[in-house]
Amino acid sequence: MSLSNLDLAHISQLIAVLLAAGLVAGFVAGLFGIGGGFVVVPALLLTFNVFNVDSDVITHLAIGTSLATIIVTSLRSLHAHNKRGAVDFKIIRDWTLWLVIGAVLGILIARYMDGRSLKWIFSLGVFLMGVHFIAPVLQPKKAITTDMPQGPLLAAIATFLGGFSALLGIGGGTIAVLVMTACGRPIHQAVATAAGFGVIIAVPGAIGFAILGLGEPGLPFGSIGYVNVIAVLAITAMSFITAPLGARAAHSLNAVALKRIFGIYLVATSAIVLYNSFTS
């Protein structure tokens, strides 16, 4: 089935999936300080599969498109948090170079990986993040130190975060929040600042995947390399509305129960993506 012979009802259903993904991604971005990629990538895999996109490009396309949406969701989330004075821009400046280097390395790695391997990495990453949301065993009960990482330790953590996030099509907020709270930063400040990390990772990530996919056969209508502009517009239109709502909720609600529900979703998503990697 191609885009040209889908009927109006079917196209409407597909757009509805993308709009719904944007609504959830935006809220999750504001609430947890993540870019929403854990929601967007599975939704895109499903949607592109319905469009019968070539299996050789579908995973790269989902990840590249997700990174493009994260630029908007993270910027919107960052703006909403900054209005509350919660963003530490010094931390963002200190981490920027290494996050960009990591994102570029992640893109270079993705260039030499097939779609199935990327699905395996995504499935593993989502599973680990889901377990963390359900039972945050790595989250220290009290700060380990009052100083943020510096020097080689900062370079190692930020480069890994940038590369890992670019490979998964996510904003890296979960790991960023974990590091910042372990270093004594209040959870609201950590969530707010992590939104800035998402922007820094997503910009070179989306540009890199767009360049990486130029000229690739089998890409659907509206694609610039491995970034589908139609999907980006549909998802970001909705996330633009809900990211501030998530940020507001982060400052007013006890998010423990929500995190556990989201963690269950992530574990289930991991299983679905892993299963799909063997059947598609």
C-alpha atoms as a PDB file:
ATOM      1  CA  MET A   1       0.000   0.000   0.000  1.00  0.00           C
ATOM      2  CA  SER A   2       1.421   3.386  -0.980  1.00  0.00           C
ATOM      3  CA  LEU A   3       0.511   6.911   0.013  1.00  0.00           C
ATOM      4  CA  SER A   4      -1.161   7.555  -3.325  1.00  0.00           C
ATOM      5  CA  ASN A   5      -3.806   4.807  -3.053  1.00  0.00           C
ATOM      6  CA  LEU A   6      -4.838   5.252   0.585  1.00  0.00           C
ATOM      7  CA  ASP A   7      -8.438   6.370   0.981  1.00  0.00           C
ATOM      8  CA  LEU A   8      -9.378   9.481   2.930  1.00  0.00           C
ATOM      9  CA  ALA A   9     -10.562   7.548   5.984  1.00  0.00           C
ATOM     10  CA  HIS A  10      -7.282   5.653   6.192  1.00  0.00           C
ATOM     11  CA  ILE A  11      -5.218   8.828   5.821  1.00  0.00           C
ATOM     12  CA  SER A  12      -7.325  10.455   8.543  1.00  0.00           C
ATOM     13  CA  GLN A  13      -6.616   7.557  10.885  1.00  0.00           C
ATOM     14  CA  LEU A  14      -2.887   7.823  10.252  1.00  0.00           C
ATOM     15  CA  ILE A  15      -2.877  11.565  10.873  1.00  0.00           C
ATOM     16  CA  ALA A  16      -4.887  10.979  14.048  1.00  0.00           C
ATOM     17  CA  VAL A  17      -2.175   8.601  15.284  1.00  0.00           C
ATOM     18  CA  LEU A  18       0.480  11.251  14.679  1.00  0.00           C
ATOM     19  CA  LEU A  19      -1.581  13.973  16.354  1.00  0.00           C
ATOM     20  CA  ALA A  20      -2.200  11.748  19.373  1.00  0.00           C
ATOM     21  CA  ALA A  21       1.502  10.948  19.574  1.00  0.00           C
ATOM     22  CA  GLY A  22       2.228  14.675  19.565  1.00  0.00           C
ATOM     23  CA  LEU A  23      -0.227  15.324  22.378  1.00  0.00           C
ATOM     24  CA  VAL A  24       1.347  12.652  24.569  1.00  0.00           C
ATOM     25  CA  ALA A  25       4.937  13.481  23.578  1.00  0.00           C
ATOM     26  CA  GLY A  26       4.511  17.142  24.447  1.00  0.00           C
ATOM     27  CA  PHE A  27       2.993  16.430  27.843  1.00  0.00           C
ATOM     28  CA  VAL A  28       5.651  13.829  28.660  1.00  0.00           C
ATOM     29  CA  ALA A  29       8.393  16.250  27.566  1.00  0.00           C
ATOM     30  CA  GLY A  30       7.151  18.913  29.955  1.00  0.00           C
ATOM     31  CA  LEU A  31       6.415  16.524  32.819  1.00  0.00           C
ATOM     32  CA  PHE A  32       9.605  14.475  32.876  1.00  0.00           C
ATOM     33  CA  GLY A  33      12.079  16.707  31.043  1.00  0.00           C
ATOM     34  CA  ILE A  34      12.456  14.262  28.165  1.00  0.00           C
ATOM     35  CA  GLY A  35      12.045  14.913  24.478  1.00  0.00           C
ATOM     36  CA  GLY A  36       9.114  12.554  23.937  1.00  0.00           C
ATOM     37  CA  GLY A  37      11.013  10.198  21.645  1.00  0.00           C
ATOM     38  CA  PHE A  38       9.965   7.162  23.676  1.00  0.00           C
ATOM     39  CA  VAL A  39       6.407   7.948  22.554  1.00  0.00           C
ATOM     40  CA  VAL A  40       7.134   9.253  19.068  1.00  0.00           C
ATOM     41  CA  VAL A  41       9.466   6.534  17.715  1.00  0.00           C
ATOM     42  CA  PRO A  42       7.042   3.601  18.307  1.00  0.00           C
ATOM     43  CA  ALA A  43       4.157   5.652  16.890  1.00  0.00           C
ATOM     44  CA  LEU A  44       6.213   6.430  13.793  1.00  0.00           C
ATOM     45  CA  LEU A  45       7.293   2.810  13.360  1.00  0.00           C
ATOM     46  CA  LEU A  46       3.626   1.819  13.417  1.00  0.00           C
ATOM     47  CA  THR A  47       2.531   4.606  11.085  1.00  0.00           C
ATOM     48  CA  PHE A  48       5.314   4.133   8.541  1.00  0.00           C
ATOM     49  CA  ASN A  49       4.638   0.401   8.563  1.00  0.00           C
ATOM     50  CA  VAL A  50       1.005   1.061   7.622  1.00  0.00           C
ATOM     51  CA  PHE A  51       2.269   3.261   4.786  1.00  0.00           C
ATOM     52  CA  ASN A  52       4.327   0.224   3.743  1.00  0.00           C
ATOM     53  CA  VAL A  53       7.611   2.118   3.948  1.00  0.00           C
ATOM     54  CA  ASP A  54      10.624   0.038   2.936  1.00  0.00           C
ATOM     55  CA  SER A  55      11.843  -1.968   5.930  1.00  0.00           C
ATOM     56  CA  ASP A  56      15.427  -0.967   5.122  1.00  0.00           C
ATOM     57  CA  VAL A  57      14.724   2.686   5.958  1.00  0.00           C
ATOM     58  CA  ILE A  58      11.770   2.617   8.357  1.00  0.00           C
ATOM     59  CA  THR A  59      13.760   2.581  11.613  1.00  0.00           C
ATOM     60  CA  HIS A  60      16.228   5.265  10.537  1.00  0.00           C
ATOM     61  CA  LEU A  61      13.277   7.354   9.322  1.00  0.00           C
ATOM     62  CA  ALA A  62      11.431   6.989  12.634  1.00  0.00           C
ATOM     63  CA  ILE A  63      14.505   7.977  14.652  1.00  0.00           C
ATOM     64  CA  GLY A  64      15.439  10.919  12.428  1.00  0.00           C
ATOM     65  CA  THR A  65      11.861  12.216  12.403  1.00  0.00           C
ATOM     66  CA  SER A  66      11.599  11.809  16.170  1.00  0.00           C
ATOM     67  CA  LEU A  67      14.746  13.886  16.673  1.00  0.00           C
ATOM     68  CA  ALA A  68      13.250  16.634  14.509  1.00  0.00           C
ATOM     69  CA  THR A  69      10.088  16.694  16.643  1.00  0.00           C
ATOM     70  CA  ILE A  70      12.196  16.846  19.809  1.00  0.00           C
ATOM     71  CA  ILE A  71      13.643  20.185  18.695  1.00  0.00           C
ATOM     72  CA  VAL A  72      10.179  21.693  19.028  1.00  0.00           C
ATOM     73  CA  THR A  73       8.927  19.764  22.075  1.00  0.00           C
ATOM     74  CA  SER A  74      12.103  20.441  24.039  1.00  0.00           C
ATOM     75  CA  LEU A  75      12.199  24.121  23.072  1.00  0.00           C
ATOM     76  CA  ARG A  76       8.576  24.501  24.140  1.00  0.00           C
ATOM     77  CA  SER A  77       9.255  22.650  27.385  1.00  0.00           C
ATOM     78  CA  LEU A  78      12.428  24.688  28.020  1.00  0.00           C
ATOM     79  CA  HIS A  79      10.534  27.942  27.508  1.00  0.00           C
ATOM     80  CA  ALA A  80       7.745  26.884  29.869  1.00  0.00           C
ATOM     81  CA  HIS A  81      10.207  25.868  32.601  1.00  0.00           C
ATOM     82  CA  ASN A  82      12.323  28.989  32.121  1.00  0.00           C
ATOM     83  CA  LYS A  83       9.279  31.179  32.782  1.00  0.00           C
ATOM     84  CA  ARG A  84       9.311  29.606  36.238  1.00  0.00           C
ATOM     85  CA  GLY A  85      13.033  30.336  36.635  1.00  0.00           C
ATOM     86  CA  ALA A  86      13.927  26.647  36.896  1.00  0.00           C
ATOM     87  CA  VAL A  87      16.510  26.299  34.085  1.00  0.00           C
ATOM     88  CA  ASP A  88      20.232  26.298  34.927  1.00  0.00           C
ATOM     89  CA  PHE A  89      21.778  27.629  31.720  1.00  0.00           C
ATOM     90  CA  LYS A  90      25.325  27.296  33.082  1.00  0.00           C
ATOM     91  CA  ILE A  91      24.929  23.531  33.158  1.00  0.00           C
ATOM     92  CA  ILE A  92      23.580  23.595  29.603  1.00  0.00           C
ATOM     93  CA  ARG A  93      26.565  25.651  28.404  1.00  0.00           C
ATOM     94  CA  ASP A  94      29.051  23.332  30.121  1.00  0.00           C
ATOM     95  CA  TRP A  95      27.537  20.236  28.509  1.00  0.00           C
ATOM     96  CA  THR A  96      26.793  21.564  25.012  1.00  0.00           C
ATOM     97  CA  LEU A  97      30.059  20.727  23.210  1.00  0.00           C
ATOM     98  CA  TRP A  98      30.193  17.144  24.466  1.00  0.00           C
ATOM     99  CA  LEU A  99      26.500  16.517  23.801  1.00  0.00           C
ATOM    100  CA  VAL A 100      26.979  17.640  20.193  1.00  0.00           C
ATOM    101  CA  ILE A 101      30.088  15.481  19.785  1.00  0.00           C
ATOM    102  CA  GLY A 102      28.160  12.518  21.154  1.00  0.00           C
ATOM    103  CA  ALA A 103      25.203  13.132  18.829  1.00  0.00           C
ATOM    104  CA  VAL A 104      27.514  13.241  15.816  1.00  0.00           C
ATOM    105  CA  LEU A 105      29.157   9.982  16.882  1.00  0.00           C
ATOM    106  CA  GLY A 106      25.713   8.422  17.292  1.00  0.00           C
ATOM    107  CA  ILE A 107      24.796   9.411  13.739  1.00  0.00           C
ATOM    108  CA  LEU A 108      28.044   7.942  12.400  1.00  0.00           C
ATOM    109  CA  ILE A 109      27.291   4.683  14.191  1.00  0.00           C
ATOM    110  CA  ALA A 110      23.717   4.658  12.837  1.00  0.00           C
ATOM    111  CA  ARG A 111      25.096   5.036   9.317  1.00  0.00           C
ATOM    112  CA  TYR A 112      26.609   1.565   9.494  1.00  0.00           C
ATOM    113  CA  MET A 113      23.678  -0.155  11.245  1.00  0.00           C
ATOM    114  CA  ASP A 114      20.665  -1.761   9.628  1.00  0.00           C
ATOM    115  CA  GLY A 115      17.101  -1.196  10.768  1.00  0.00           C
ATOM    116  CA  ARG A 116      16.874  -4.400  12.787  1.00  0.00           C
ATOM    117  CA  SER A 117      20.000  -3.570  14.809  1.00  0.00           C
ATOM    118  CA  LEU A 118      18.657  -0.092  15.544  1.00  0.00           C
ATOM    119  CA  LYS A 119      15.397  -1.627  16.749  1.00  0.00           C
ATOM    120  CA  TRP A 120      17.351  -3.886  19.103  1.00  0.00           C
ATOM    121  CA  ILE A 121      19.203  -0.908  20.548  1.00  0.00           C
ATOM    122  CA  PHE A 122      15.993   1.082  20.869  1.00  0.00           C
ATOM    123  CA  SER A 123      14.228  -1.853  22.531  1.00  0.00           C
ATOM    124  CA  LEU A 124      17.041  -2.309  25.056  1.00  0.00           C
ATOM    125  CA  GLY A 125      17.241   1.400  25.832  1.00  0.00           C
ATOM    126  CA  VAL A 126      13.474   1.719  26.254  1.00  0.00           C
ATOM    127  CA  PHE A 127      13.389  -1.358  28.503  1.00  0.00           C
ATOM    128  CA  LEU A 128      16.104   0.036  30.785  1.00  0.00           C
ATOM    129  CA  MET A 129      14.384   3.416  30.979  1.00  0.00           C
ATOM    130  CA  GLY A 130      11.053   1.709  31.681  1.00  0.00           C
ATOM    131  CA  VAL A 131      12.512  -0.261  34.566  1.00  0.00           C
ATOM    132  CA  HIS A 132      13.994   2.949  35.913  1.00  0.00           C
ATOM    133  CA  PHE A 133      10.620   4.702  35.827  1.00  0.00           C
ATOM    134  CA  ILE A 134       8.888   1.755  37.533  1.00  0.00           C
ATOM    135  CA  ALA A 135      11.545   1.157  40.202  1.00  0.00           C
ATOM    136  CA  PRO A 136      14.298   3.799  40.095  1.00  0.00           C
ATOM    137  CA  VAL A 137      16.982   1.635  41.710  1.00  0.00           C
ATOM    138  CA  LEU A 138      19.732   3.851  40.302  1.00  0.00           C
ATOM    139  CA  GLN A 139      18.173   6.992  41.752  1.00  0.00           C
ATOM    140  CA  PRO A 140      20.082   7.847  44.949  1.00  0.00           C
ATOM    141  CA  LYS A 141      17.928   8.665  47.970  1.00  0.00           C
ATOM    142  CA  LYS A 142      20.177  11.610  48.660  1.00  0.00           C
ATOM    143  CA  ALA A 143      22.716  13.546  46.640  1.00  0.00           C
ATOM    144  CA  ILE A 144      26.087  11.865  46.172  1.00  0.00           C
ATOM    145  CA  THR A 145      27.840  15.203  45.732  1.00  0.00           C
ATOM    146  CA  THR A 146      26.997  18.878  45.445  1.00  0.00           C
ATOM    147  CA  ASP A 147      29.185  19.438  42.379  1.00  0.00           C
ATOM    148  CA  MET A 148      28.284  18.698  38.780  1.00  0.00           C
ATOM    149  CA  PRO A 149      30.765  16.555  36.797  1.00  0.00           C
ATOM    150  CA  GLN A 150      33.752  18.419  35.397  1.00  0.00           C
ATOM    151  CA  GLY A 151      36.675  17.667  33.085  1.00  0.00           C
ATOM    152  CA  PRO A 152      37.037  14.133  31.704  1.00  0.00           C
ATOM    153  CA  LEU A 153      34.045  12.827  33.688  1.00  0.00           C
ATOM    154  CA  LEU A 154      31.780  15.487  32.204  1.00  0.00           C
ATOM    155  CA  ALA A 155      33.129  14.765  28.719  1.00  0.00           C
ATOM    156  CA  ALA A 156      32.500  11.019  29.104  1.00  0.00           C
ATOM    157  CA  ILE A 157      28.974  11.312  30.512  1.00  0.00           C
ATOM    158  CA  ALA A 158      27.812  14.008  28.083  1.00  0.00           C
ATOM    159  CA  THR A 159      29.330  12.311  25.020  1.00  0.00           C
ATOM    160  CA  PHE A 160      27.678   9.009  25.954  1.00  0.00           C
ATOM    161  CA  LEU A 161      24.368  10.779  26.574  1.00  0.00           C
ATOM    162  CA  GLY A 162      24.496  12.539  23.203  1.00  0.00           C
ATOM    163  CA  GLY A 163      25.407   9.389  21.280  1.00  0.00           C
ATOM    164  CA  PHE A 164      22.938   7.127  23.077  1.00  0.00           C
ATOM    165  CA  SER A 165      20.113   9.631  22.582  1.00  0.00           C
ATOM    166  CA  ALA A 166      20.842  10.190  18.888  1.00  0.00           C
ATOM    167  CA  LEU A 167      20.810   6.439  18.270  1.00  0.00           C
ATOM    168  CA  LEU A 168      17.439   6.048  20.005  1.00  0.00           C
ATOM    169  CA  GLY A 169      15.808   9.220  18.689  1.00  0.00           C
ATOM    170  CA  ILE A 170      15.249  10.609  22.194  1.00  0.00           C
ATOM    171  CA  GLY A 171      16.194  13.768  24.079  1.00  0.00           C
ATOM    172  CA  GLY A 172      18.216  12.098  26.840  1.00  0.00           C
ATOM    173  CA  GLY A 173      16.276  13.725  29.660  1.00  0.00           C
ATOM    174  CA  THR A 174      15.985  10.638  31.857  1.00  0.00           C
ATOM    175  CA  ILE A 175      19.738  10.130  32.186  1.00  0.00           C
ATOM    176  CA  ALA A 176      20.327  13.874  32.493  1.00  0.00           C
ATOM    177  CA  VAL A 177      17.853  14.170  35.368  1.00  0.00           C
ATOM    178  CA  LEU A 178      19.450  11.167  37.076  1.00  0.00           C
ATOM    179  CA  VAL A 179      22.901  12.772  36.919  1.00  0.00           C
ATOM    180  CA  MET A 180      21.734  16.197  38.076  1.00  0.00           C
ATOM    181  CA  THR A 181      19.713  14.939  41.032  1.00  0.00           C
ATOM    182  CA  ALA A 182      22.644  12.733  42.082  1.00  0.00           C
ATOM    183  CA  CYS A 183      24.684  15.937  42.142  1.00  0.00           C
ATOM    184  CA  GLY A 184      22.283  17.699  44.460  1.00  0.00           C
ATOM    185  CA  ARG A 185      20.150  19.608  41.995  1.00  0.00           C
ATOM    186  CA  PRO A 186      16.444  19.890  42.895  1.00  0.00           C
ATOM    187  CA  ILE A 187      14.248  17.641  40.779  1.00  0.00           C
ATOM    188  CA  HIS A 188      12.326  20.552  39.238  1.00  0.00           C
ATOM    189  CA  GLN A 189      15.569  22.266  38.198  1.00  0.00           C
ATOM    190  CA  ALA A 190      16.925  18.983  36.818  1.00  0.00           C
ATOM    191  CA  VAL A 191      13.789  18.354  34.740  1.00  0.00           C
ATOM    192  CA  ALA A 192      13.801  21.933  33.436  1.00  0.00           C
ATOM    193  CA  THR A 193      17.485  21.896  32.518  1.00  0.00           C
ATOM    194  CA  ALA A 194      17.191  18.485  30.851  1.00  0.00           C
ATOM    195  CA  ALA A 195      14.790  20.034  28.339  1.00  0.00           C
ATOM    196  CA  GLY A 196      17.714  22.157  27.144  1.00  0.00           C
ATOM    197  CA  PHE A 197      19.804  19.028  26.671  1.00  0.00           C
ATOM    198  CA  GLY A 198      17.074  17.696  24.380  1.00  0.00           C
ATOM    199  CA  VAL A 199      17.384  20.704  22.071  1.00  0.00           C
ATOM    200  CA  ILE A 200      21.176  20.433  21.896  1.00  0.00           C
ATOM    201  CA  ILE A 201      21.046  16.716  21.034  1.00  0.00           C
ATOM    202  CA  ALA A 202      18.114  16.916  18.642  1.00  0.00           C
ATOM    203  CA  VAL A 203      19.374  19.721  16.372  1.00  0.00           C
ATOM    204  CA  PRO A 204      22.563  17.997  15.146  1.00  0.00           C
ATOM    205  CA  GLY A 205      20.781  14.651  15.367  1.00  0.00           C
ATOM    206  CA  ALA A 206      17.943  15.652  13.041  1.00  0.00           C
ATOM    207  CA  ILE A 207      20.286  17.435  10.619  1.00  0.00           C
ATOM    208  CA  GLY A 208      22.586  14.420  10.577  1.00  0.00           C
ATOM    209  CA  PHE A 209      19.799  11.920   9.869  1.00  0.00           C
ATOM    210  CA  ALA A 210      18.404  14.205   7.151  1.00  0.00           C
ATOM    211  CA  ILE A 211      21.812  14.283   5.430  1.00  0.00           C
ATOM    212  CA  LEU A 212      22.373  10.578   6.038  1.00  0.00           C
ATOM    213  CA  GLY A 213      19.180   9.648   4.200  1.00  0.00           C
ATOM    214  CA  LEU A 214      19.482  11.939   1.184  1.00  0.00           C
ATOM    215  CA  GLY A 215      18.980   9.950  -1.987  1.00  0.00           C
ATOM    216  CA  GLU A 216      17.900   6.780  -0.169  1.00  0.00           C
ATOM    217  CA  PRO A 217      15.247   4.811  -2.122  1.00  0.00           C
ATOM    218  CA  GLY A 218      11.971   3.817  -0.489  1.00  0.00           C
ATOM    219  CA  LEU A 219      11.407   6.984   1.542  1.00  0.00           C
ATOM    220  CA  PRO A 220       7.772   8.182   1.735  1.00  0.00           C
ATOM    221  CA  PHE A 221       6.410  11.438   0.357  1.00  0.00           C
ATOM    222  CA  GLY A 222       7.447  14.511   2.341  1.00  0.00           C
ATOM    223  CA  SER A 223      10.796  13.152   3.484  1.00  0.00           C
ATOM    224  CA  ILE A 224      14.081  15.046   3.571  1.00  0.00           C
ATOM    225  CA  GLY A 225      16.510  12.228   4.049  1.00  0.00           C
ATOM    226  CA  TYR A 226      15.512  10.316   7.164  1.00  0.00           C
ATOM    227  CA  VAL A 227      13.214  13.123   8.377  1.00  0.00           C
ATOM    228  CA  ASN A 228       9.566  13.090   7.302  1.00  0.00           C
ATOM    229  CA  VAL A 229       8.321  16.679   7.349  1.00  0.00           C
ATOM    230  CA  ILE A 230       4.618  15.749   7.333  1.00  0.00           C
ATOM    231  CA  ALA A 231       5.006  13.668  10.484  1.00  0.00           C
ATOM    232  CA  VAL A 232       7.101  16.386  12.131  1.00  0.00           C
ATOM    233  CA  LEU A 233       4.421  19.020  11.497  1.00  0.00           C
ATOM    234  CA  ALA A 234       1.568  16.816  12.736  1.00  0.00           C
ATOM    235  CA  ILE A 235       3.341  15.773  15.932  1.00  0.00           C
ATOM    236  CA  THR A 236       4.851  19.122  16.833  1.00  0.00           C
ATOM    237  CA  ALA A 237       1.575  20.967  16.255  1.00  0.00           C
ATOM    238  CA  MET A 238       0.024  19.020  19.128  1.00  0.00           C
ATOM    239  CA  SER A 239       3.090  18.857  21.361  1.00  0.00           C
ATOM    240  CA  PHE A 240       3.356  22.638  21.149  1.00  0.00           C
ATOM    241  CA  ILE A 241       0.055  22.775  23.029  1.00  0.00           C
ATOM    242  CA  THR A 242       0.695  20.134  25.668  1.00  0.00           C
ATOM    243  CA  ALA A 243       4.364  20.705  26.639  1.00  0.00           C
ATOM    244  CA  PRO A 244       3.461  23.697  28.869  1.00  0.00           C
ATOM    245  CA  LEU A 245       0.735  21.593  30.502  1.00  0.00           C
ATOM    246  CA  GLY A 246       3.297  18.926  31.332  1.00  0.00           C
ATOM    247  CA  ALA A 247       5.688  21.526  32.728  1.00  0.00           C
ATOM    248  CA  ARG A 248       2.897  22.932  34.897  1.00  0.00           C
ATOM    249  CA  ALA A 249       2.055  19.453  36.143  1.00  0.00           C
ATOM    250  CA  ALA A 250       5.726  18.813  36.969  1.00  0.00           C
ATOM    251  CA  HIS A 251       5.667  21.774  39.339  1.00  0.00           C
ATOM    252  CA  SER A 252       2.345  20.942  40.968  1.00  0.00           C
ATOM    253  CA  LEU A 253       1.892  17.157  41.071  1.00  0.00           C
ATOM    254  CA  ASN A 254       3.544  14.193  42.736  1.00  0.00           C
ATOM    255  CA  ALA A 255       4.583  12.353  39.598  1.00  0.00           C
ATOM    256  CA  VAL A 256       5.529   8.984  41.192  1.00  0.00           C
ATOM    257  CA  ALA A 257       2.386   7.168  40.029  1.00  0.00           C
ATOM    258  CA  LEU A 258       2.599   8.742  36.579  1.00  0.00           C
ATOM    259  CA  LYS A 259       6.222   7.663  36.258  1.00  0.00           C
ATOM    260  CA  ARG A 260       5.312   4.067  37.071  1.00  0.00           C
ATOM    261  CA  ILE A 261       2.501   4.055  34.533  1.00  0.00           C
ATOM    262  CA  PHE A 262       4.847   5.515  31.946  1.00  0.00           C
ATOM    263  CA  GLY A 263       7.454   2.896  32.884  1.00  0.00           C
ATOM    264  CA  ILE A 264       4.978   0.093  32.234  1.00  0.00           C
ATOM    265  CA  TYR A 265       4.238   1.647  28.857  1.00  0.00           C
ATOM    266  CA  LEU A 266       7.957   1.729  28.054  1.00  0.00           C
ATOM    267  CA  VAL A 267       8.498  -1.936  28.983  1.00  0.00           C
ATOM    268  CA  ALA A 268       5.522  -2.961  26.847  1.00  0.00           C
ATOM    269  CA  THR A 269       6.803  -0.812  23.980  1.00  0.00           C
ATOM    270  CA  SER A 270      10.225  -2.443  24.270  1.00  0.00           C
ATOM    271  CA  ALA A 271       8.670  -5.879  23.907  1.00  0.00           C
ATOM    272  CA  ILE A 272       6.592  -4.816  20.895  1.00  0.00           C
ATOM    273  CA  VAL A 273       9.548  -3.241  19.083  1.00  0.00           C
ATOM    274  CA  LEU A 274      11.732  -6.291  19.799  1.00  0.00           C
ATOM    275  CA  TYR A 275       9.038  -8.620  18.481  1.00  0.00           C
ATOM    276  CA  ASN A 276       8.597  -6.428  15.416  1.00  0.00           C
ATOM    277  CA  SER A 277      12.348  -6.585  14.688  1.00  0.00           C
ATOM    278  CA  PHE A 278      12.025 -10.345  14.128  1.00  0.00           C
ATOM    279  CA  THR A 279       8.767 -10.293  12.157  1.00  0.00           C
ATOM    280  CA  SER A 280       9.289  -7.406   9.738  1.00  0.00           C
END
